[in-house]
Amino acid sequence: MNAPTSFREALDQSGMVDTRRNSLKYAIENLHSSIAMMDDYHLAVLQRDYPDILNAARTYAAYEHGLNRFETVKPPLDT
C-alpha cells in the first residue's frame, strides 16, 4: 500500500467508511481553516488550553500539501 497523499486517502486506507470519511474530512478542513485565520496570540492560547485541537489541525495539514502546520506556535508566557 502506498503512503497516502491526502487526509481523505489516509482515512480511506485506515478503513474509514466513505460516509464518515467525507464528514470527518469536511469538519477537520473547516477546523484547520478557522485556526489558520487566528493571530499569534490566539494560536498561543489554543496551544496552551486546547493543544489537542491544534494537533488535529496539524495532523490534517501533514497530509495536505501547502497547508500551515503551525510548527512555530508556542503557548503564551503567562502560563
N, C-alpha and C. Protein backbone atom coordinates (compact mmCIF):
# COMPACT_ATOMS: atom_id res chain seq x y z
N MET A 1 0.84 -1.18 0.00
CA MET A 1 0.00 0.00 0.00
C MET A 1 0.89 1.25 0.00
N ASN A 2 0.60 2.17 -0.88
CA ASN A 2 1.37 3.41 -0.97
C ASN A 2 1.01 4.35 0.16
N ALA A 3 1.94 5.23 0.48
CA ALA A 3 1.68 6.24 1.50
C ALA A 3 0.58 7.17 1.00
N PRO A 4 -0.36 7.55 1.88
CA PRO A 4 -1.44 8.43 1.44
C PRO A 4 -0.93 9.81 1.06
N THR A 5 -1.57 10.41 0.08
CA THR A 5 -1.16 11.73 -0.37
C THR A 5 -2.17 12.81 0.02
N SER A 6 -3.20 12.42 0.77
CA SER A 6 -4.17 13.38 1.28
C SER A 6 -4.79 12.81 2.55
N PHE A 7 -5.41 13.67 3.33
CA PHE A 7 -6.07 13.22 4.55
C PHE A 7 -7.21 12.25 4.21
N ARG A 8 -7.98 12.56 3.19
CA ARG A 8 -9.08 11.68 2.77
C ARG A 8 -8.53 10.30 2.40
N GLU A 9 -7.42 10.26 1.69
CA GLU A 9 -6.81 8.99 1.31
C GLU A 9 -6.31 8.24 2.54
N ALA A 10 -5.76 8.96 3.51
CA ALA A 10 -5.29 8.32 4.74
C ALA A 10 -6.46 7.68 5.49
N LEU A 11 -7.58 8.40 5.56
CA LEU A 11 -8.77 7.84 6.21
C LEU A 11 -9.26 6.61 5.46
N ASP A 12 -9.26 6.70 4.15
CA ASP A 12 -9.70 5.57 3.32
C ASP A 12 -8.81 4.36 3.57
N GLN A 13 -7.50 4.57 3.58
CA GLN A 13 -6.58 3.46 3.80
C GLN A 13 -6.70 2.86 5.20
N SER A 14 -7.17 3.65 6.15
CA SER A 14 -7.33 3.13 7.51
C SER A 14 -8.63 2.34 7.67
N GLY A 15 -9.47 2.36 6.62
CA GLY A 15 -10.70 1.58 6.65
C GLY A 15 -11.93 2.39 7.02
N MET A 16 -11.82 3.70 7.08
CA MET A 16 -12.96 4.55 7.40
C MET A 16 -13.97 4.49 6.25
N VAL A 17 -15.23 4.23 6.56
CA VAL A 17 -16.25 4.18 5.51
C VAL A 17 -16.47 5.57 4.94
N ASP A 18 -16.89 5.63 3.68
CA ASP A 18 -16.94 6.91 2.98
C ASP A 18 -17.88 7.92 3.63
N THR A 19 -18.98 7.48 4.22
CA THR A 19 -19.90 8.44 4.84
C THR A 19 -19.27 9.13 6.04
N ARG A 20 -18.47 8.44 6.79
CA ARG A 20 -17.75 9.04 7.93
C ARG A 20 -16.51 9.77 7.45
N ARG A 21 -15.83 9.20 6.48
CA ARG A 21 -14.60 9.81 5.95
C ARG A 21 -14.89 11.20 5.41
N ASN A 22 -15.91 11.33 4.59
CA ASN A 22 -16.21 12.62 3.98
C ASN A 22 -16.63 13.65 5.03
N SER A 23 -17.43 13.23 5.98
CA SER A 23 -17.88 14.12 7.04
C SER A 23 -16.70 14.58 7.90
N LEU A 24 -15.83 13.65 8.26
CA LEU A 24 -14.67 13.98 9.08
C LEU A 24 -13.70 14.88 8.33
N LYS A 25 -13.48 14.60 7.07
CA LYS A 25 -12.59 15.43 6.27
C LYS A 25 -13.12 16.85 6.18
N TYR A 26 -14.43 16.99 5.97
CA TYR A 26 -15.05 18.31 5.89
C TYR A 26 -14.88 19.07 7.22
N ALA A 27 -15.12 18.38 8.33
CA ALA A 27 -15.02 19.02 9.65
C ALA A 27 -13.60 19.47 9.95
N ILE A 28 -12.63 18.62 9.71
CA ILE A 28 -11.25 18.98 10.05
C ILE A 28 -10.69 20.01 9.07
N GLU A 29 -11.17 19.99 7.84
CA GLU A 29 -10.79 21.02 6.87
C GLU A 29 -11.27 22.39 7.36
N ASN A 30 -12.48 22.46 7.86
CA ASN A 30 -13.02 23.71 8.39
C ASN A 30 -12.33 24.12 9.68
N LEU A 31 -11.99 23.15 10.52
CA LEU A 31 -11.23 23.44 11.73
C LEU A 31 -9.89 24.06 11.38
N HIS A 32 -9.17 23.46 10.45
CA HIS A 32 -7.88 23.99 10.03
C HIS A 32 -8.03 25.40 9.48
N SER A 33 -9.03 25.61 8.67
CA SER A 33 -9.26 26.93 8.08
C SER A 33 -9.50 27.97 9.16
N SER A 34 -10.28 27.64 10.15
CA SER A 34 -10.56 28.56 11.25
C SER A 34 -9.30 28.88 12.04
N ILE A 35 -8.52 27.87 12.34
CA ILE A 35 -7.29 28.07 13.10
C ILE A 35 -6.29 28.89 12.29
N ALA A 36 -6.24 28.65 10.99
CA ALA A 36 -5.30 29.38 10.13
C ALA A 36 -5.57 30.88 10.11
N MET A 37 -6.78 31.29 10.43
CA MET A 37 -7.12 32.72 10.45
C MET A 37 -6.80 33.39 11.79
N MET A 38 -6.36 32.63 12.78
CA MET A 38 -6.07 33.20 14.10
C MET A 38 -4.76 33.97 14.09
N ASP A 39 -4.71 35.00 14.94
CA ASP A 39 -3.46 35.73 15.12
C ASP A 39 -2.57 34.95 16.09
N ASP A 40 -1.34 35.41 16.25
CA ASP A 40 -0.37 34.68 17.07
C ASP A 40 -0.83 34.49 18.51
N TYR A 41 -1.45 35.52 19.07
CA TYR A 41 -1.90 35.43 20.46
C TYR A 41 -2.93 34.30 20.62
N HIS A 42 -3.92 34.27 19.74
CA HIS A 42 -4.96 33.25 19.86
C HIS A 42 -4.45 31.85 19.54
N LEU A 43 -3.50 31.76 18.64
CA LEU A 43 -2.86 30.47 18.40
C LEU A 43 -2.15 29.98 19.66
N ALA A 44 -1.48 30.90 20.34
CA ALA A 44 -0.78 30.55 21.58
C ALA A 44 -1.76 30.11 22.66
N VAL A 45 -2.88 30.79 22.77
CA VAL A 45 -3.91 30.39 23.74
C VAL A 45 -4.45 29.00 23.39
N LEU A 46 -4.69 28.76 22.13
CA LEU A 46 -5.15 27.44 21.69
C LEU A 46 -4.13 26.37 22.05
N GLN A 47 -2.86 26.66 21.82
CA GLN A 47 -1.80 25.70 22.16
C GLN A 47 -1.77 25.44 23.66
N ARG A 48 -1.94 26.49 24.44
CA ARG A 48 -1.88 26.34 25.90
C ARG A 48 -3.10 25.60 26.45
N ASP A 49 -4.29 26.00 26.01
CA ASP A 49 -5.51 25.50 26.64
C ASP A 49 -6.17 24.33 25.90
N TYR A 50 -5.94 24.23 24.60
CA TYR A 50 -6.58 23.18 23.79
C TYR A 50 -5.59 22.57 22.80
N PRO A 51 -4.50 22.03 23.30
CA PRO A 51 -3.46 21.51 22.39
C PRO A 51 -3.96 20.39 21.47
N ASP A 52 -4.92 19.62 21.92
CA ASP A 52 -5.42 18.52 21.08
C ASP A 52 -6.14 19.05 19.84
N ILE A 53 -6.82 20.19 19.97
CA ILE A 53 -7.48 20.79 18.81
C ILE A 53 -6.43 21.25 17.80
N LEU A 54 -5.38 21.90 18.29
CA LEU A 54 -4.31 22.34 17.40
C LEU A 54 -3.61 21.15 16.78
N ASN A 55 -3.42 20.10 17.54
CA ASN A 55 -2.77 18.89 17.00
C ASN A 55 -3.62 18.22 15.92
N ALA A 56 -4.94 18.28 16.04
CA ALA A 56 -5.80 17.74 14.99
C ALA A 56 -5.58 18.51 13.69
N ALA A 57 -5.49 19.82 13.78
CA ALA A 57 -5.23 20.63 12.58
C ALA A 57 -3.85 20.33 12.02
N ARG A 58 -2.89 20.11 12.88
CA ARG A 58 -1.53 19.76 12.43
C ARG A 58 -1.54 18.41 11.70
N THR A 59 -2.27 17.46 12.24
CA THR A 59 -2.35 16.14 11.59
C THR A 59 -2.94 16.28 10.20
N TYR A 60 -4.02 17.03 10.09
CA TYR A 60 -4.64 17.27 8.79
C TYR A 60 -3.64 17.91 7.83
N ALA A 61 -2.95 18.94 8.28
CA ALA A 61 -2.00 19.66 7.42
C ALA A 61 -0.84 18.79 6.97
N ALA A 62 -0.49 17.80 7.77
CA ALA A 62 0.61 16.90 7.41
C ALA A 62 0.29 16.10 6.15
N TYR A 63 -0.99 15.90 5.87
CA TYR A 63 -1.42 15.14 4.70
C TYR A 63 -1.76 16.01 3.50
N GLU A 64 -1.98 17.29 3.73
CA GLU A 64 -2.43 18.18 2.66
C GLU A 64 -1.29 19.13 2.28
N HIS A 65 -0.89 19.07 1.04
CA HIS A 65 0.25 19.86 0.54
C HIS A 65 0.00 21.36 0.70
N GLY A 66 0.99 22.05 1.25
CA GLY A 66 0.99 23.51 1.29
C GLY A 66 0.24 24.16 2.44
N LEU A 67 -0.32 23.37 3.36
CA LEU A 67 -1.05 23.98 4.46
C LEU A 67 -0.13 24.31 5.63
N ASN A 68 -0.52 25.32 6.38
CA ASN A 68 0.20 25.71 7.59
C ASN A 68 0.13 24.56 8.59
N ARG A 69 1.28 24.18 9.10
CA ARG A 69 1.34 23.10 10.10
C ARG A 69 1.47 23.63 11.51
N PHE A 70 1.48 24.93 11.65
CA PHE A 70 1.52 25.59 12.97
C PHE A 70 2.71 25.11 13.81
N GLU A 71 3.84 24.94 13.15
CA GLU A 71 5.03 24.38 13.81
C GLU A 71 5.69 25.37 14.77
N THR A 72 5.47 26.65 14.59
CA THR A 72 6.15 27.64 15.43
C THR A 72 5.28 28.15 16.58
N VAL A 73 4.08 27.61 16.74
CA VAL A 73 3.17 28.08 17.78
C VAL A 73 3.67 27.62 19.14
N LYS A 74 3.75 28.57 20.06
CA LYS A 74 4.14 28.28 21.44
C LYS A 74 3.11 28.90 22.37
N PRO A 75 2.91 28.30 23.55
CA PRO A 75 1.94 28.88 24.49
C PRO A 75 2.39 30.28 24.93
N PRO A 76 1.45 31.13 25.34
CA PRO A 76 1.83 32.46 25.83
C PRO A 76 2.65 32.33 27.11
N LEU A 77 3.39 33.36 27.40
CA LEU A 77 4.29 33.33 28.57
C LEU A 77 3.56 33.40 29.90
N ASP A 78 2.28 33.74 29.90
CA ASP A 78 1.55 33.87 31.15
C ASP A 78 0.98 32.56 31.68
N THR A 79 1.55 31.44 31.26
CA THR A 79 1.04 30.13 31.71
C THR A 79 1.55 29.77 33.07
